PDB file of N, CA and C in Angstrom:
ATOM      1  N   MET A   1     -26.872 -14.467  13.619  1.00  0.00           N
ATOM      2  CA  MET A   1     -26.795 -15.782  13.045  1.00  0.00           C
ATOM      3  C   MET A   1     -27.835 -16.594  13.815  1.00  0.00           C
ATOM      4  N   GLY A   2     -27.909 -17.870  13.488  1.00  0.00           N
ATOM      5  CA  GLY A   2     -28.873 -18.769  14.050  1.00  0.00           C
ATOM      6  C   GLY A   2     -28.649 -19.093  15.525  1.00  0.00           C
ATOM      7  N   GLU A   3     -29.664 -19.743  16.096  1.00  0.00           N
ATOM      8  CA  GLU A   3     -29.585 -20.153  17.541  1.00  0.00           C
ATOM      9  C   GLU A   3     -28.521 -21.297  17.582  1.00  0.00           C
ATOM     10  N   PRO A   4     -27.690 -21.261  18.653  1.00  0.00           N
ATOM     11  CA  PRO A   4     -26.816 -22.429  18.876  1.00  0.00           C
ATOM     12  C   PRO A   4     -27.513 -23.652  19.211  1.00  0.00           C
ATOM     13  N   PHE A   5     -26.948 -24.784  18.905  1.00  0.00           N
ATOM     14  CA  PHE A   5     -27.455 -26.057  19.363  1.00  0.00           C
ATOM     15  C   PHE A   5     -27.253 -26.187  20.873  1.00  0.00           C
ATOM     16  N   PRO A   6     -27.955 -27.127  21.511  1.00  0.00           N
ATOM     17  CA  PRO A   6     -27.717 -27.329  22.930  1.00  0.00           C
ATOM     18  C   PRO A   6     -26.236 -27.547  23.163  1.00  0.00           C
ATOM     19  N   GLY A   7     -25.682 -26.996  24.267  1.00  0.00           N
ATOM     20  CA  GLY A   7     -24.333 -27.104  24.584  1.00  0.00           C
ATOM     21  C   GLY A   7     -23.498 -25.966  23.993  1.00  0.00           C
ATOM     22  N   GLY A   8     -24.093 -24.978  23.319  1.00  0.00           N
ATOM     23  CA  GLY A   8     -23.401 -23.815  22.749  1.00  0.00           C
ATOM     24  C   GLY A   8     -22.817 -24.167  21.399  1.00  0.00           C
ATOM     25  N   ARG A   9     -23.086 -25.258  20.813  1.00  0.00           N
ATOM     26  CA  ARG A   9     -22.510 -25.561  19.447  1.00  0.00           C
ATOM     27  C   ARG A   9     -23.395 -24.842  18.390  1.00  0.00           C
ATOM     28  N   VAL A  10     -22.745 -24.516  17.286  1.00  0.00           N
ATOM     29  CA  VAL A  10     -23.511 -23.870  16.156  1.00  0.00           C
ATOM     30  C   VAL A  10     -23.486 -24.850  14.962  1.00  0.00           C
ATOM     31  N   ALA A  11     -24.341 -24.708  14.090  1.00  0.00           N
ATOM     32  CA  ALA A  11     -24.510 -25.492  12.851  1.00  0.00           C
ATOM     33  C   ALA A  11     -23.217 -25.436  12.103  1.00  0.00           C
ATOM     34  N   ASN A  12     -22.836 -26.568  11.446  1.00  0.00           N
ATOM     35  CA  ASN A  12     -21.622 -26.670  10.682  1.00  0.00           C
ATOM     36  C   ASN A  12     -21.622 -25.567   9.559  1.00  0.00           C
ATOM     37  N   GLY A  13     -22.678 -25.355   8.918  1.00  0.00           N
ATOM     38  CA  GLY A  13     -22.734 -24.262   7.860  1.00  0.00           C
ATOM     39  C   GLY A  13     -22.525 -22.870   8.465  1.00  0.00           C
ATOM     40  N   GLU A  14     -22.982 -22.665   9.633  1.00  0.00           N
ATOM     41  CA  GLU A  14     -22.789 -21.363  10.231  1.00  0.00           C
ATOM     42  C   GLU A  14     -21.326 -21.165  10.609  1.00  0.00           C
ATOM     43  N   MET A  15     -20.641 -22.308  11.097  1.00  0.00           N
ATOM     44  CA  MET A  15     -19.171 -22.170  11.429  1.00  0.00           C
ATOM     45  C   MET A  15     -18.413 -21.911  10.085  1.00  0.00           C
ATOM     46  N   GLU A  16     -18.857 -22.504   8.970  1.00  0.00           N
ATOM     47  CA  GLU A  16     -18.196 -22.285   7.762  1.00  0.00           C
ATOM     48  C   GLU A  16     -18.290 -20.813   7.288  1.00  0.00           C
ATOM     49  N   MET A  17     -19.538 -20.253   7.419  1.00  0.00           N
ATOM     50  CA  MET A  17     -19.809 -18.901   7.110  1.00  0.00           C
ATOM     51  C   MET A  17     -18.944 -17.925   8.013  1.00  0.00           C
ATOM     52  N   ASN A  18     -18.802 -18.312   9.237  1.00  0.00           N
ATOM     53  CA  ASN A  18     -18.012 -17.457  10.106  1.00  0.00           C
ATOM     54  C   ASN A  18     -16.516 -17.514   9.726  1.00  0.00           C
ATOM     55  N   ALA A  19     -16.039 -18.746   9.349  1.00  0.00           N
ATOM     56  CA  ALA A  19     -14.690 -18.928   8.893  1.00  0.00           C
ATOM     57  C   ALA A  19     -14.442 -18.122   7.587  1.00  0.00           C
ATOM     58  N   GLN A  20     -15.409 -18.126   6.662  1.00  0.00           N
ATOM     59  CA  GLN A  20     -15.269 -17.396   5.471  1.00  0.00           C
ATOM     60  C   GLN A  20     -15.312 -15.849   5.777  1.00  0.00           C
ATOM     61  N   ALA A  21     -16.212 -15.452   6.655  1.00  0.00           N
ATOM     62  CA  ALA A  21     -16.289 -14.014   7.022  1.00  0.00           C
ATOM     63  C   ALA A  21     -14.955 -13.559   7.626  1.00  0.00           C
ATOM     64  N   THR A  22     -14.296 -14.379   8.450  1.00  0.00           N
ATOM     65  CA  THR A  22     -13.093 -14.090   9.110  1.00  0.00           C
ATOM     66  C   THR A  22     -11.987 -14.018   8.040  1.00  0.00           C
ATOM     67  N   LYS A  23     -11.920 -14.926   7.093  1.00  0.00           N
ATOM     68  CA  LYS A  23     -10.978 -14.879   6.015  1.00  0.00           C
ATOM     69  C   LYS A  23     -11.091 -13.684   5.146  1.00  0.00           C
ATOM     70  N   LEU A  24     -12.427 -13.314   4.901  1.00  0.00           N
ATOM     71  CA  LEU A  24     -12.675 -12.118   4.069  1.00  0.00           C
ATOM     72  C   LEU A  24     -12.161 -10.899   4.821  1.00  0.00           C
ATOM     73  N   HIS A  25     -12.469 -10.815   6.055  1.00  0.00           N
ATOM     74  CA  HIS A  25     -12.097  -9.648   6.864  1.00  0.00           C
ATOM     75  C   HIS A  25     -10.536  -9.499   6.874  1.00  0.00           C
ATOM     76  N   ALA A  26      -9.849 -10.591   7.044  1.00  0.00           N
ATOM     77  CA  ALA A  26      -8.395 -10.619   7.024  1.00  0.00           C
ATOM     78  C   ALA A  26      -7.864 -10.207   5.666  1.00  0.00           C
ATOM     79  N   ALA A  27      -8.531 -10.657   4.578  1.00  0.00           N
ATOM     80  CA  ALA A  27      -8.068 -10.315   3.229  1.00  0.00           C
ATOM     81  C   ALA A  27      -8.289  -8.801   2.927  1.00  0.00           C
ATOM     82  N   GLU A  28      -9.394  -8.308   3.488  1.00  0.00           N
ATOM     83  CA  GLU A  28      -9.715  -6.861   3.334  1.00  0.00           C
ATOM     84  C   GLU A  28      -8.587  -6.039   4.098  1.00  0.00           C
ATOM     85  N   ASN A  29      -8.214  -6.466   5.316  1.00  0.00           N
ATOM     86  CA  ASN A  29      -7.205  -5.779   6.011  1.00  0.00           C
ATOM     87  C   ASN A  29      -5.829  -5.899   5.357  1.00  0.00           C
ATOM     88  N   ASP A  30      -5.549  -7.055   4.788  1.00  0.00           N
ATOM     89  CA  ASP A  30      -4.331  -7.195   4.021  1.00  0.00           C
ATOM     90  C   ASP A  30      -4.281  -6.287   2.772  1.00  0.00           C
ATOM     91  N   LEU A  31      -5.424  -6.192   2.115  1.00  0.00           N
ATOM     92  CA  LEU A  31      -5.482  -5.330   0.959  1.00  0.00           C
ATOM     93  C   LEU A  31      -5.325  -3.901   1.277  1.00  0.00           C
ATOM     94  N   LYS A  32      -5.971  -3.421   2.377  1.00  0.00           N
ATOM     95  CA  LYS A  32      -5.811  -2.053   2.885  1.00  0.00           C
ATOM     96  C   LYS A  32      -4.419  -1.741   3.213  1.00  0.00           C
ATOM     97  N   GLN A  33      -3.756  -2.691   3.832  1.00  0.00           N
ATOM     98  CA  GLN A  33      -2.308  -2.471   4.199  1.00  0.00           C
ATOM     99  C   GLN A  33      -1.432  -2.417   2.951  1.00  0.00           C
ATOM    100  N   LEU A  34      -1.701  -3.278   2.023  1.00  0.00           N
ATOM    101  CA  LEU A  34      -0.952  -3.269   0.765  1.00  0.00           C
ATOM    102  C   LEU A  34      -1.138  -1.983   0.013  1.00  0.00           C
ATOM    103  N   MET A  35      -2.390  -1.498  -0.044  1.00  0.00           N
ATOM    104  CA  MET A  35      -2.700  -0.231  -0.770  1.00  0.00           C
ATOM    105  C   MET A  35      -1.999   0.952  -0.092  1.00  0.00           C
ATOM    106  N   ALA A  36      -1.881   0.915   1.281  1.00  0.00           N
ATOM    107  CA  ALA A  36      -1.247   1.979   1.937  1.00  0.00           C
ATOM    108  C   ALA A  36       0.285   1.925   1.708  1.00  0.00           C
ATOM    109  N   ASP A  37       0.868   0.652   1.630  1.00  0.00           N
ATOM    110  CA  ASP A  37       2.263   0.501   1.336  1.00  0.00           C
ATOM    111  C   ASP A  37       2.535   1.030  -0.102  1.00  0.00           C
ATOM    112  N   VAL A  38       1.711   0.669  -0.979  1.00  0.00           N
ATOM    113  CA  VAL A  38       1.899   1.084  -2.391  1.00  0.00           C
ATOM    114  C   VAL A  38       1.825   2.633  -2.481  1.00  0.00           C
ATOM    115  N   ALA A  39       0.917   3.289  -1.750  1.00  0.00           N
ATOM    116  CA  ALA A  39       0.755   4.750  -1.789  1.00  0.00           C
ATOM    117  C   ALA A  39       2.021   5.385  -1.180  1.00  0.00           C
ATOM    118  N   ARG A  40       2.542   4.789  -0.153  1.00  0.00           N
ATOM    119  CA  ARG A  40       3.820   5.301   0.479  1.00  0.00           C
ATOM    120  C   ARG A  40       5.011   5.162  -0.487  1.00  0.00           C
ATOM    121  N   ALA A  41       5.068   3.995  -1.105  1.00  0.00           N
ATOM    122  CA  ALA A  41       6.152   3.757  -2.140  1.00  0.00           C
ATOM    123  C   ALA A  41       6.111   4.715  -3.312  1.00  0.00           C
ATOM    124  N   ALA A  42       4.867   4.944  -3.779  1.00  0.00           N
ATOM    125  CA  ALA A  42       4.700   5.855  -4.905  1.00  0.00           C
ATOM    126  C   ALA A  42       5.004   7.345  -4.479  1.00  0.00           C
ATOM    127  N   GLU A  43       4.687   7.710  -3.278  1.00  0.00           N
ATOM    128  CA  GLU A  43       5.067   9.029  -2.740  1.00  0.00           C
ATOM    129  C   GLU A  43       6.585   9.141  -2.658  1.00  0.00           C
ATOM    130  N   LYS A  44       7.249   8.101  -2.130  1.00  0.00           N
ATOM    131  CA  LYS A  44       8.742   8.129  -2.033  1.00  0.00           C
ATOM    132  C   LYS A  44       9.364   8.208  -3.424  1.00  0.00           C
ATOM    133  N   ALA A  45       8.795   7.475  -4.379  1.00  0.00           N
ATOM    134  CA  ALA A  45       9.329   7.513  -5.730  1.00  0.00           C
ATOM    135  C   ALA A  45       9.165   8.910  -6.334  1.00  0.00           C
ATOM    136  N   GLN A  46       8.033   9.541  -6.109  1.00  0.00           N
ATOM    137  CA  GLN A  46       7.908  10.905  -6.610  1.00  0.00           C
ATOM    138  C   GLN A  46       8.912  11.878  -6.020  1.00  0.00           C
ATOM    139  N   GLU A  47       9.093  11.683  -4.737  1.00  0.00           N
ATOM    140  CA  GLU A  47      10.161  12.513  -4.039  1.00  0.00           C
ATOM    141  C   GLU A  47      11.491  12.271  -4.586  1.00  0.00           C
ATOM    142  N   ALA A  48      11.861  10.970  -4.914  1.00  0.00           N
ATOM    143  CA  ALA A  48      13.167  10.717  -5.443  1.00  0.00           C
ATOM    144  C   ALA A  48      13.341  11.298  -6.856  1.00  0.00           C
ATOM    145  N   VAL A  49      12.267  11.206  -7.650  1.00  0.00           N
ATOM    146  CA  VAL A  49      12.276  11.832  -8.956  1.00  0.00           C
ATOM    147  C   VAL A  49      12.424  13.280  -8.886  1.00  0.00           C
ATOM    148  N   ALA A  50      11.767  13.898  -8.000  1.00  0.00           N
ATOM    149  CA  ALA A  50      11.911  15.419  -7.782  1.00  0.00           C
ATOM    150  C   ALA A  50      13.329  15.741  -7.442  1.00  0.00           C
ATOM    151  N   ARG A  51      13.941  14.967  -6.527  1.00  0.00           N
ATOM    152  CA  ARG A  51      15.357  15.271  -6.070  1.00  0.00           C
ATOM    153  C   ARG A  51      16.284  15.069  -7.301  1.00  0.00           C
ATOM    154  N   ILE A  52      16.123  14.034  -8.012  1.00  0.00           N
ATOM    155  CA  ILE A  52      17.007  13.699  -9.175  1.00  0.00           C
ATOM    156  C   ILE A  52      16.855  14.825 -10.263  1.00  0.00           C
ATOM    157  N   THR A  53      15.576  15.172 -10.526  1.00  0.00           N
ATOM    158  CA  THR A  53      15.313  16.167 -11.547  1.00  0.00           C
ATOM    159  C   THR A  53      15.981  17.521 -11.052  1.00  0.00           C
ATOM    160  N   SER A  54      15.855  17.845  -9.832  1.00  0.00           N
ATOM    161  CA  SER A  54      16.426  19.079  -9.305  1.00  0.00           C
ATOM    162  C   SER A  54      17.989  18.985  -9.451  1.00  0.00           C
ATOM    163  N   LYS A  55      18.604  17.913  -9.060  1.00  0.00           N
ATOM    164  CA  LYS A  55      20.029  17.781  -9.244  1.00  0.00           C
ATOM    165  C   LYS A  55      20.432  17.853 -10.657  1.00  0.00           C
ATOM    166  N   ALA A  56      19.676  17.200 -11.583  1.00  0.00           N
ATOM    167  CA  ALA A  56      20.027  17.249 -12.999  1.00  0.00           C
ATOM    168  C   ALA A  56      19.931  18.650 -13.466  1.00  0.00           C
ATOM    169  N   ALA A  57      18.894  19.402 -13.099  1.00  0.00           N
ATOM    170  CA  ALA A  57      18.747  20.722 -13.555  1.00  0.00           C
ATOM    171  C   ALA A  57      19.868  21.653 -13.019  1.00  0.00           C
ATOM    172  N   THR A  58      20.270  21.394 -11.790  1.00  0.00           N
ATOM    173  CA  THR A  58      21.403  22.141 -11.144  1.00  0.00           C
ATOM    174  C   THR A  58      22.719  21.878 -11.948  1.00  0.00           C
ATOM    175  N   ALA A  59      22.896  20.627 -12.258  1.00  0.00           N
ATOM    176  CA  ALA A  59      24.127  20.174 -12.971  1.00  0.00           C
ATOM    177  C   ALA A  59      24.163  20.758 -14.380  1.00  0.00           C
ATOM    178  N   THR A  60      22.973  20.798 -15.050  1.00  0.00           N
ATOM    179  CA  THR A  60      22.885  21.359 -16.359  1.00  0.00           C
ATOM    180  C   THR A  60      23.133  22.889 -16.334  1.00  0.00           C
ATOM    181  N   THR A  61      22.653  23.518 -15.398  1.00  0.00           N
ATOM    182  CA  THR A  61      22.861  25.007 -15.235  1.00  0.00           C
ATOM    183  C   THR A  61      24.368  25.257 -14.991  1.00  0.00           C
ATOM    184  N   GLU A  62      24.976  24.464 -14.110  1.00  0.00           N
ATOM    185  CA  GLU A  62      26.423  24.622 -13.745  1.00  0.00           C
ATOM    186  C   GLU A  62      27.289  24.412 -15.090  1.00  0.00           C
ATOM    187  N   THR A  63      26.867  23.347 -15.812  1.00  0.00           N
ATOM    188  CA  THR A  63      27.640  23.002 -17.044  1.00  0.00           C
ATOM    189  C   THR A  63      27.482  24.122 -18.027  1.00  0.00           C
ATOM    190  N   GLU A  64      26.322  24.646 -18.191  1.00  0.00           N
ATOM    191  CA  GLU A  64      26.027  25.755 -19.183  1.00  0.00           C
ATOM    192  C   GLU A  64      26.862  27.020 -18.761  1.00  0.00           C
ATOM    193  N   SER A  65      26.878  27.350 -17.488  1.00  0.00           N
ATOM    194  CA  SER A  65      27.620  28.533 -17.017  1.00  0.00           C
ATOM    195  C   SER A  65      29.059  28.349 -17.155  1.00  0.00           C
ATOM    196  N   THR A  66      29.599  27.155 -16.954  1.00  0.00           N
ATOM    197  CA  THR A  66      31.057  26.877 -17.115  1.00  0.00           C
ATOM    198  C   THR A  66      31.487  26.918 -18.559  1.00  0.00           C
ATOM    199  N   THR A  67      30.568  26.389 -19.416  1.00  0.00           N
ATOM    200  CA  THR A  67      30.833  26.376 -20.909  1.00  0.00           C
ATOM    201  C   THR A  67      30.808  27.777 -21.459  1.00  0.00           C
ATOM    202  N   SER A  68      29.829  28.605 -21.009  1.00  0.00           N
ATOM    203  CA  SER A  68      29.650  29.960 -21.587  1.00  0.00           C
ATOM    204  C   SER A  68      30.741  30.900 -21.064  1.00  0.00           C
ATOM    205  N   SER A  69      31.318  30.642 -19.913  1.00  0.00           N
ATOM    206  CA  SER A  69      32.404  31.544 -19.429  1.00  0.00           C
ATOM    207  C   SER A  69      33.702  31.246 -19.984  1.00  0.00           C
ATOM    208  N   ARG A  70      33.910  30.286 -20.864  1.00  0.00           N
ATOM    209  CA  ARG A  70      35.160  30.058 -21.433  1.00  0.00           C
ATOM    210  C   ARG A  70      35.378  30.933 -22.563  1.00  0.00           C
TER     211      ARG A  70
END
């Protein structure tokens, strides 16, 4: 960035750019965290569907064997 003004101050425009860059970085981090959360939620949902499907298949098999043995 530019040279600071005497006393270590920076130009107002430069401070604004730094603030925008900081906000952008924070937004990127928030987005990455949100994407990771969504990926974990999708994975858990897939696992739940697999468990439910497995239980439903087992229940169907048990019902069919009970019905056919009568």
